[in-house]
PDB file of N, CA and C in Angstrom:
ATOM      1  N   MET A   1       1.546  22.174  17.982  1.00  0.00           N
ATOM      2  CA  MET A   1       2.573  21.693  18.895  1.00  0.00           C
ATOM      3  C   MET A   1       2.732  20.179  18.714  1.00  0.00           C
ATOM      4  N   GLN A   2       3.945  19.728  18.579  1.00  0.00           N
ATOM      5  CA  GLN A   2       4.217  18.312  18.364  1.00  0.00           C
ATOM      6  C   GLN A   2       4.490  17.616  19.685  1.00  0.00           C
ATOM      7  N   LYS A   3       3.826  16.475  19.887  1.00  0.00           N
ATOM      8  CA  LYS A   3       4.068  15.680  21.091  1.00  0.00           C
ATOM      9  C   LYS A   3       5.454  15.075  21.023  1.00  0.00           C
ATOM     10  N   GLN A   4       6.062  14.885  22.187  1.00  0.00           N
ATOM     11  CA  GLN A   4       7.389  14.271  22.229  1.00  0.00           C
ATOM     12  C   GLN A   4       7.314  12.863  21.663  1.00  0.00           C
ATOM     13  N   GLY A   5       8.225  12.534  20.747  1.00  0.00           N
ATOM     14  CA  GLY A   5       8.274  11.199  20.158  1.00  0.00           C
ATOM     15  C   GLY A   5       7.349  11.013  18.965  1.00  0.00           C
ATOM     16  N   GLN A   6       6.477  11.983  18.683  1.00  0.00           N
ATOM     17  CA  GLN A   6       5.559  11.858  17.562  1.00  0.00           C
ATOM     18  C   GLN A   6       6.278  12.208  16.265  1.00  0.00           C
ATOM     19  N   ARG A   7       6.105  11.370  15.221  1.00  0.00           N
ATOM     20  CA  ARG A   7       6.773  11.588  13.950  1.00  0.00           C
ATOM     21  C   ARG A   7       5.731  11.744  12.846  1.00  0.00           C
ATOM     22  N   HIS A   8       6.063  12.599  11.868  1.00  0.00           N
ATOM     23  CA  HIS A   8       5.105  12.864  10.799  1.00  0.00           C
ATOM     24  C   HIS A   8       5.590  12.448   9.425  1.00  0.00           C
ATOM     25  N   GLY A   9       6.710  11.714   9.335  1.00  0.00           N
ATOM     26  CA  GLY A   9       7.214  11.278   8.036  1.00  0.00           C
ATOM     27  C   GLY A   9       6.284  10.245   7.419  1.00  0.00           C
ATOM     28  N   LEU A  10       6.568   9.903   6.182  1.00  0.00           N
ATOM     29  CA  LEU A  10       5.767   8.910   5.467  1.00  0.00           C
ATOM     30  C   LEU A  10       6.555   7.618   5.296  1.00  0.00           C
ATOM     31  N   LEU A  11       5.861   6.515   5.430  1.00  0.00           N
ATOM     32  CA  LEU A  11       6.431   5.180   5.269  1.00  0.00           C
ATOM     33  C   LEU A  11       5.919   4.592   3.959  1.00  0.00           C
ATOM     34  N   ASN A  12       6.825   4.253   3.048  1.00  0.00           N
ATOM     35  CA  ASN A  12       6.453   3.665   1.763  1.00  0.00           C
ATOM     36  C   ASN A  12       6.049   2.214   1.991  1.00  0.00           C
ATOM     37  N   ILE A  13       4.789   1.891   1.657  1.00  0.00           N
ATOM     38  CA  ILE A  13       4.309   0.516   1.828  1.00  0.00           C
ATOM     39  C   ILE A  13       4.123  -0.179   0.482  1.00  0.00           C
ATOM     40  N   GLY A  14       4.682   0.432  -0.567  1.00  0.00           N
ATOM     41  CA  GLY A  14       4.701  -0.187  -1.886  1.00  0.00           C
ATOM     42  C   GLY A  14       3.716   0.396  -2.871  1.00  0.00           C
ATOM     43  N   PHE A  15       4.122   0.395  -4.155  1.00  0.00           N
ATOM     44  CA  PHE A  15       3.284   0.786  -5.283  1.00  0.00           C
ATOM     45  C   PHE A  15       2.723   2.200  -5.141  1.00  0.00           C
ATOM     46  N   GLY A  16       3.532   3.116  -4.619  1.00  0.00           N
ATOM     47  CA  GLY A  16       3.129   4.505  -4.502  1.00  0.00           C
ATOM     48  C   GLY A  16       2.189   4.783  -3.337  1.00  0.00           C
ATOM     49  N   ASN A  17       2.104   3.861  -2.403  1.00  0.00           N
ATOM     50  CA  ASN A  17       1.242   4.036  -1.230  1.00  0.00           C
ATOM     51  C   ASN A  17       2.105   4.326  -0.003  1.00  0.00           C
ATOM     52  N   PHE A  18       1.618   5.233   0.840  1.00  0.00           N
ATOM     53  CA  PHE A  18       2.356   5.668   2.020  1.00  0.00           C
ATOM     54  C   PHE A  18       1.452   5.716   3.229  1.00  0.00           C
ATOM     55  N   VAL A  19       2.062   5.551   4.424  1.00  0.00           N
ATOM     56  CA  VAL A  19       1.362   5.661   5.703  1.00  0.00           C
ATOM     57  C   VAL A  19       2.153   6.646   6.560  1.00  0.00           C
ATOM     58  N   VAL A  20       1.456   7.462   7.340  1.00  0.00           N
ATOM     59  CA  VAL A  20       2.132   8.377   8.256  1.00  0.00           C
ATOM     60  C   VAL A  20       2.803   7.547   9.345  1.00  0.00           C
ATOM     61  N   ILE A  21       4.108   7.698   9.497  1.00  0.00           N
ATOM     62  CA  ILE A  21       4.892   6.876  10.419  1.00  0.00           C
ATOM     63  C   ILE A  21       4.368   6.944  11.849  1.00  0.00           C
ATOM     64  N   GLY A  22       3.983   8.117  12.290  1.00  0.00           N
ATOM     65  CA  GLY A  22       3.524   8.287  13.663  1.00  0.00           C
ATOM     66  C   GLY A  22       2.227   7.567  13.990  1.00  0.00           C
ATOM     67  N   ARG A  23       1.511   7.095  12.970  1.00  0.00           N
ATOM     68  CA  ARG A  23       0.238   6.405  13.182  1.00  0.00           C
ATOM     69  C   ARG A  23       0.397   4.885  13.240  1.00  0.00           C
ATOM     70  N   VAL A  24       1.560   4.366  12.852  1.00  0.00           N
ATOM     71  CA  VAL A  24       1.784   2.915  12.808  1.00  0.00           C
ATOM     72  C   VAL A  24       1.981   2.367  14.222  1.00  0.00           C
ATOM     73  N   VAL A  25       1.196   1.358  14.545  1.00  0.00           N
ATOM     74  CA  VAL A  25       1.316   0.674  15.831  1.00  0.00           C
ATOM     75  C   VAL A  25       2.077  -0.633  15.657  1.00  0.00           C
ATOM     76  N   SER A  26       1.786  -1.344  14.555  1.00  0.00           N
ATOM     77  CA  SER A  26       2.381  -2.655  14.366  1.00  0.00           C
ATOM     78  C   SER A  26       2.474  -3.002  12.880  1.00  0.00           C
ATOM     79  N   ILE A  27       3.524  -3.780  12.542  1.00  0.00           N
ATOM     80  CA  ILE A  27       3.693  -4.334  11.201  1.00  0.00           C
ATOM     81  C   ILE A  27       3.852  -5.839  11.400  1.00  0.00           C
ATOM     82  N   VAL A  28       2.896  -6.622  10.886  1.00  0.00           N
ATOM     83  CA  VAL A  28       2.883  -8.052  11.183  1.00  0.00           C
ATOM     84  C   VAL A  28       2.788  -8.901   9.918  1.00  0.00           C
ATOM     85  N   ASN A  29       3.166 -10.156  10.066  1.00  0.00           N
ATOM     86  CA  ASN A  29       3.065 -11.152   9.015  1.00  0.00           C
ATOM     87  C   ASN A  29       1.608 -11.626   8.946  1.00  0.00           C
ATOM     88  N   PRO A  30       1.021 -11.733   7.761  1.00  0.00           N
ATOM     89  CA  PRO A  30      -0.407 -12.054   7.638  1.00  0.00           C
ATOM     90  C   PRO A  30      -0.776 -13.528   7.677  1.00  0.00           C
ATOM     91  N   THR A  31       0.176 -14.420   7.890  1.00  0.00           N
ATOM     92  CA  THR A  31      -0.114 -15.846   7.714  1.00  0.00           C
ATOM     93  C   THR A  31      -0.774 -16.534   8.903  1.00  0.00           C
ATOM     94  N   SER A  32      -0.684 -15.980  10.091  1.00  0.00           N
ATOM     95  CA  SER A  32      -1.259 -16.667  11.249  1.00  0.00           C
ATOM     96  C   SER A  32      -2.779 -16.522  11.283  1.00  0.00           C
ATOM     97  N   ALA A  33      -3.430 -17.455  11.941  1.00  0.00           N
ATOM     98  CA  ALA A  33      -4.894 -17.431  12.053  1.00  0.00           C
ATOM     99  C   ALA A  33      -5.411 -16.157  12.731  1.00  0.00           C
ATOM    100  N   PRO A  34      -4.779 -15.673  13.815  1.00  0.00           N
ATOM    101  CA  PRO A  34      -5.272 -14.426  14.420  1.00  0.00           C
ATOM    102  C   PRO A  34      -5.199 -13.230  13.464  1.00  0.00           C
ATOM    103  N   MET A  35      -4.167 -13.189  12.622  1.00  0.00           N
ATOM    104  CA  MET A  35      -4.051 -12.081  11.674  1.00  0.00           C
ATOM    105  C   MET A  35      -5.105 -12.192  10.571  1.00  0.00           C
ATOM    106  N   ARG A  36      -5.436 -13.412  10.181  1.00  0.00           N
ATOM    107  CA  ARG A  36      -6.515 -13.607   9.200  1.00  0.00           C
ATOM    108  C   ARG A  36      -7.849 -13.152   9.781  1.00  0.00           C
ATOM    109  N   ARG A  37      -8.086 -13.464  11.060  1.00  0.00           N
ATOM    110  CA  ARG A  37      -9.316 -13.007  11.730  1.00  0.00           C
ATOM    111  C   ARG A  37      -9.346 -11.489  11.838  1.00  0.00           C
ATOM    112  N   LEU A  38      -8.199 -10.894  12.184  1.00  0.00           N
ATOM    113  CA  LEU A  38      -8.096  -9.443  12.285  1.00  0.00           C
ATOM    114  C   LEU A  38      -8.460  -8.789  10.949  1.00  0.00           C
ATOM    115  N   ARG A  39      -7.921  -9.344   9.855  1.00  0.00           N
ATOM    116  CA  ARG A  39      -8.210  -8.810   8.533  1.00  0.00           C
ATOM    117  C   ARG A  39      -9.699  -8.919   8.204  1.00  0.00           C
ATOM    118  N   GLU A  40     -10.294 -10.057   8.483  1.00  0.00           N
ATOM    119  CA  GLU A  40     -11.715 -10.255   8.178  1.00  0.00           C
ATOM    120  C   GLU A  40     -12.604  -9.362   9.038  1.00  0.00           C
ATOM    121  N   ASP A  41     -12.274  -9.219  10.314  1.00  0.00           N
ATOM    122  CA  ASP A  41     -13.042  -8.326  11.194  1.00  0.00           C
ATOM    123  C   ASP A  41     -12.968  -6.886  10.695  1.00  0.00           C
ATOM    124  N   ALA A  42     -11.778  -6.452  10.299  1.00  0.00           N
ATOM    125  CA  ALA A  42     -11.608  -5.090   9.786  1.00  0.00           C
ATOM    126  C   ALA A  42     -12.400  -4.896   8.500  1.00  0.00           C
ATOM    127  N   ARG A  43     -12.420  -5.910   7.646  1.00  0.00           N
ATOM    128  CA  ARG A  43     -13.188  -5.824   6.392  1.00  0.00           C
ATOM    129  C   ARG A  43     -14.680  -5.638   6.690  1.00  0.00           C
ATOM    130  N   GLN A  44     -15.199  -6.435   7.618  1.00  0.00           N
ATOM    131  CA  GLN A  44     -16.622  -6.361   7.963  1.00  0.00           C
ATOM    132  C   GLN A  44     -16.993  -5.035   8.611  1.00  0.00           C
ATOM    133  N   GLU A  45     -16.046  -4.434   9.349  1.00  0.00           N
ATOM    134  CA  GLU A  45     -16.318  -3.184  10.055  1.00  0.00           C
ATOM    135  C   GLU A  45     -15.933  -1.943   9.237  1.00  0.00           C
ATOM    136  N   GLY A  46     -15.427  -2.120   8.018  1.00  0.00           N
ATOM    137  CA  GLY A  46     -15.072  -0.998   7.161  1.00  0.00           C
ATOM    138  C   GLY A  46     -13.780  -0.302   7.564  1.00  0.00           C
ATOM    139  N   ARG A  47     -12.881  -1.020   8.237  1.00  0.00           N
ATOM    140  CA  ARG A  47     -11.600  -0.457   8.685  1.00  0.00           C
ATOM    141  C   ARG A  47     -10.428  -0.972   7.859  1.00  0.00           C
ATOM    142  N   LEU A  48     -10.693  -1.737   6.812  1.00  0.00           N
ATOM    143  CA  LEU A  48      -9.632  -2.359   6.017  1.00  0.00           C
ATOM    144  C   LEU A  48      -9.261  -1.477   4.826  1.00  0.00           C
ATOM    145  N   ILE A  49      -7.959  -1.276   4.636  1.00  0.00           N
ATOM    146  CA  ILE A  49      -7.440  -0.542   3.485  1.00  0.00           C
ATOM    147  C   ILE A  49      -6.524  -1.494   2.728  1.00  0.00           C
ATOM    148  N   ASP A  50      -6.886  -1.806   1.497  1.00  0.00           N
ATOM    149  CA  ASP A  50      -6.106  -2.740   0.690  1.00  0.00           C
ATOM    150  C   ASP A  50      -5.175  -1.959  -0.236  1.00  0.00           C
ATOM    151  N   ALA A  51      -3.879  -1.978   0.080  1.00  0.00           N
ATOM    152  CA  ALA A  51      -2.878  -1.272  -0.729  1.00  0.00           C
ATOM    153  C   ALA A  51      -2.000  -2.268  -1.485  1.00  0.00           C
ATOM    154  N   THR A  52      -2.526  -3.456  -1.772  1.00  0.00           N
ATOM    155  CA  THR A  52      -1.736  -4.501  -2.435  1.00  0.00           C
ATOM    156  C   THR A  52      -1.725  -4.374  -3.952  1.00  0.00           C
ATOM    157  N   GLN A  53      -2.596  -3.557  -4.525  1.00  0.00           N
ATOM    158  CA  GLN A  53      -2.701  -3.409  -5.974  1.00  0.00           C
ATOM    159  C   GLN A  53      -2.966  -4.766  -6.637  1.00  0.00           C
ATOM    160  N   GLY A  54      -3.763  -5.615  -5.997  1.00  0.00           N
ATOM    161  CA  GLY A  54      -4.141  -6.907  -6.556  1.00  0.00           C
ATOM    162  C   GLY A  54      -3.131  -8.018  -6.352  1.00  0.00           C
ATOM    163  N   ARG A  55      -2.067  -7.741  -5.649  1.00  0.00           N
ATOM    164  CA  ARG A  55      -1.039  -8.759  -5.404  1.00  0.00           C
ATOM    165  C   ARG A  55      -1.278  -9.461  -4.070  1.00  0.00           C
ATOM    166  N   LYS A  56      -0.479 -10.478  -3.799  1.00  0.00           N
ATOM    167  CA  LYS A  56      -0.592 -11.231  -2.555  1.00  0.00           C
ATOM    168  C   LYS A  56      -0.223 -10.348  -1.354  1.00  0.00           C
ATOM    169  N   THR A  57      -1.009 -10.465  -0.277  1.00  0.00           N
ATOM    170  CA  THR A  57      -0.730  -9.710   0.942  1.00  0.00           C
ATOM    171  C   THR A  57       0.466 -10.332   1.650  1.00  0.00           C
ATOM    172  N   ARG A  58       1.489  -9.516   1.910  1.00  0.00           N
ATOM    173  CA  ARG A  58       2.702  -9.989   2.570  1.00  0.00           C
ATOM    174  C   ARG A  58       2.941  -9.303   3.909  1.00  0.00           C
ATOM    175  N   ALA A  59       2.164  -8.258   4.200  1.00  0.00           N
ATOM    176  CA  ALA A  59       2.283  -7.573   5.495  1.00  0.00           C
ATOM    177  C   ALA A  59       0.958  -6.921   5.846  1.00  0.00           C
ATOM    178  N   ILE A  60       0.684  -6.860   7.142  1.00  0.00           N
ATOM    179  CA  ILE A  60      -0.475  -6.146   7.656  1.00  0.00           C
ATOM    180  C   ILE A  60       0.046  -5.060   8.576  1.00  0.00           C
ATOM    181  N   ILE A  61      -0.422  -3.834   8.344  1.00  0.00           N
ATOM    182  CA  ILE A  61      -0.027  -2.694   9.154  1.00  0.00           C
ATOM    183  C   ILE A  61      -1.246  -2.258   9.959  1.00  0.00           C
ATOM    184  N   ILE A  62      -1.058  -2.133  11.263  1.00  0.00           N
ATOM    185  CA  ILE A  62      -2.138  -1.717  12.154  1.00  0.00           C
ATOM    186  C   ILE A  62      -1.824  -0.307  12.626  1.00  0.00           C
ATOM    187  N   THR A  63      -2.820   0.583  12.548  1.00  0.00           N
ATOM    188  CA  THR A  63      -2.613   1.976  12.930  1.00  0.00           C
ATOM    189  C   THR A  63      -3.271   2.286  14.269  1.00  0.00           C
ATOM    190  N   ASP A  64      -2.928   3.447  14.819  1.00  0.00           N
ATOM    191  CA  ASP A  64      -3.497   3.852  16.094  1.00  0.00           C
ATOM    192  C   ASP A  64      -4.987   4.191  15.993  1.00  0.00           C
ATOM    193  N   SER A  65      -5.494   4.366  14.779  1.00  0.00           N
ATOM    194  CA  SER A  65      -6.928   4.605  14.582  1.00  0.00           C
ATOM    195  C   SER A  65      -7.681   3.296  14.389  1.00  0.00           C
ATOM    196  N   ASN A  66      -6.976   2.181  14.587  1.00  0.00           N
ATOM    197  CA  ASN A  66      -7.524   0.823  14.475  1.00  0.00           C
ATOM    198  C   ASN A  66      -7.835   0.424  13.029  1.00  0.00           C
ATOM    199  N   HIS A  67      -7.255   1.117  12.059  1.00  0.00           N
ATOM    200  CA  HIS A  67      -7.375   0.708  10.673  1.00  0.00           C
ATOM    201  C   HIS A  67      -6.352  -0.394  10.403  1.00  0.00           C
ATOM    202  N   VAL A  68      -6.691  -1.266   9.479  1.00  0.00           N
ATOM    203  CA  VAL A  68      -5.823  -2.374   9.086  1.00  0.00           C
ATOM    204  C   VAL A  68      -5.479  -2.166   7.614  1.00  0.00           C
ATOM    205  N   ILE A  69      -4.185  -2.070   7.329  1.00  0.00           N
ATOM    206  CA  ILE A  69      -3.716  -1.787   5.972  1.00  0.00           C
ATOM    207  C   ILE A  69      -2.962  -3.007   5.456  1.00  0.00           C
ATOM    208  N   LEU A  70      -3.342  -3.464   4.266  1.00  0.00           N
ATOM    209  CA  LEU A  70      -2.678  -4.607   3.641  1.00  0.00           C
ATOM    210  C   LEU A  70      -1.635  -4.107   2.660  1.00  0.00           C
ATOM    211  N   SER A  71      -0.464  -4.734   2.670  1.00  0.00           N
ATOM    212  CA  SER A  71       0.615  -4.365   1.756  1.00  0.00           C
ATOM    213  C   SER A  71       1.168  -5.616   1.077  1.00  0.00           C
ATOM    214  N   ALA A  72       1.632  -5.442  -0.156  1.00  0.00           N
ATOM    215  CA  ALA A  72       2.238  -6.545  -0.899  1.00  0.00           C
ATOM    216  C   ALA A  72       3.749  -6.612  -0.666  1.00  0.00           C
ATOM    217  N   ILE A  73       4.270  -5.729   0.182  1.00  0.00           N
ATOM    218  CA  ILE A  73       5.694  -5.718   0.521  1.00  0.00           C
ATOM    219  C   ILE A  73       5.890  -6.537   1.796  1.00  0.00           C
ATOM    220  N   GLN A  74       6.979  -7.296   1.879  1.00  0.00           N
ATOM    221  CA  GLN A  74       7.263  -8.120   3.052  1.00  0.00           C
ATOM    222  C   GLN A  74       7.290  -7.279   4.330  1.00  0.00           C
ATOM    223  N   ALA A  75       6.779  -7.832   5.427  1.00  0.00           N
ATOM    224  CA  ALA A  75       6.762  -7.136   6.713  1.00  0.00           C
ATOM    225  C   ALA A  75       8.177  -6.734   7.134  1.00  0.00           C
ATOM    226  N   GLU A  76       9.149  -7.590   6.890  1.00  0.00           N
ATOM    227  CA  GLU A  76      10.537  -7.302   7.249  1.00  0.00           C
ATOM    228  C   GLU A  76      11.065  -6.079   6.483  1.00  0.00           C
ATOM    229  N   THR A  77      10.737  -5.991   5.208  1.00  0.00           N
ATOM    230  CA  THR A  77      11.167  -4.853   4.393  1.00  0.00           C
ATOM    231  C   THR A  77      10.540  -3.561   4.896  1.00  0.00           C
ATOM    232  N   ILE A  78       9.257  -3.600   5.200  1.00  0.00           N
ATOM    233  CA  ILE A  78       8.581  -2.410   5.727  1.00  0.00           C
ATOM    234  C   ILE A  78       9.176  -2.034   7.080  1.00  0.00           C
ATOM    235  N   GLY A  79       9.490  -3.032   7.897  1.00  0.00           N
ATOM    236  CA  GLY A  79      10.122  -2.767   9.189  1.00  0.00           C
ATOM    237  C   GLY A  79      11.469  -2.088   9.032  1.00  0.00           C
ATOM    238  N   GLN A  80      12.236  -2.508   8.039  1.00  0.00           N
ATOM    239  CA  GLN A  80      13.545  -1.880   7.777  1.00  0.00           C
ATOM    240  C   GLN A  80      13.363  -0.433   7.333  1.00  0.00           C
ATOM    241  N   ARG A  81      12.369  -0.198   6.486  1.00  0.00           N
ATOM    242  CA  ARG A  81      12.083   1.179   6.046  1.00  0.00           C
ATOM    243  C   ARG A  81      11.653   2.033   7.246  1.00  0.00           C
ATOM    244  N   PHE A  82      10.841   1.441   8.121  1.00  0.00           N
ATOM    245  CA  PHE A  82      10.367   2.140   9.317  1.00  0.00           C
ATOM    246  C   PHE A  82      11.553   2.523  10.188  1.00  0.00           C
ATOM    247  N   SER A  83      12.469   1.589  10.407  1.00  0.00           N
ATOM    248  CA  SER A  83      13.659   1.853  11.235  1.00  0.00           C
ATOM    249  C   SER A  83      14.551   2.904  10.598  1.00  0.00           C
ATOM    250  N   ALA A  84      14.688   2.882   9.279  1.00  0.00           N
ATOM    251  CA  ALA A  84      15.518   3.869   8.585  1.00  0.00           C
ATOM    252  C   ALA A  84      14.927   5.269   8.747  1.00  0.00           C
ATOM    253  N   GLU A  85      13.617   5.375   8.648  1.00  0.00           N
ATOM    254  CA  GLU A  85      12.945   6.674   8.820  1.00  0.00           C
ATOM    255  C   GLU A  85      13.076   7.158  10.255  1.00  0.00           C
ATOM    256  N   GLU A  86      13.058   6.230  11.195  1.00  0.00           N
ATOM    257  CA  GLU A  86      13.161   6.564  12.617  1.00  0.00           C
ATOM    258  C   GLU A  86      14.528   7.170  12.920  1.00  0.00           C
ATOM    259  N   GLY A  87      15.562   6.713  12.223  1.00  0.00           N
ATOM    260  CA  GLY A  87      16.922   7.199  12.454  1.00  0.00           C
ATOM    261  C   GLY A  87      17.181   8.590  11.917  1.00  0.00           C
ATOM    262  N   GLU A  88      16.336   9.081  11.020  1.00  0.00           N
ATOM    263  CA  GLU A  88      16.550  10.401  10.408  1.00  0.00           C
ATOM    264  C   GLU A  88      16.169  11.512  11.355  1.00  0.00           C
TER     265      GLU A  88
END
């Protein structure tokens, strides 16, 4: 049974990597000090998923399971993809 408002589509976060749309809580820019701390805390706790394929991190995706996913795609671009999937 599907909860109201829950979505199961996939969000392309670049380089053949995808995240389940219904699990995304936030898509943020990685440049601020709090986001750098969030990334480091997640790394130390084993909650960090690096999907950058060795490129510069341009977006951080936070999931409802408290995992932190790094992407080399701009946060704005991922947000647009998220909104497009939401409209379908």
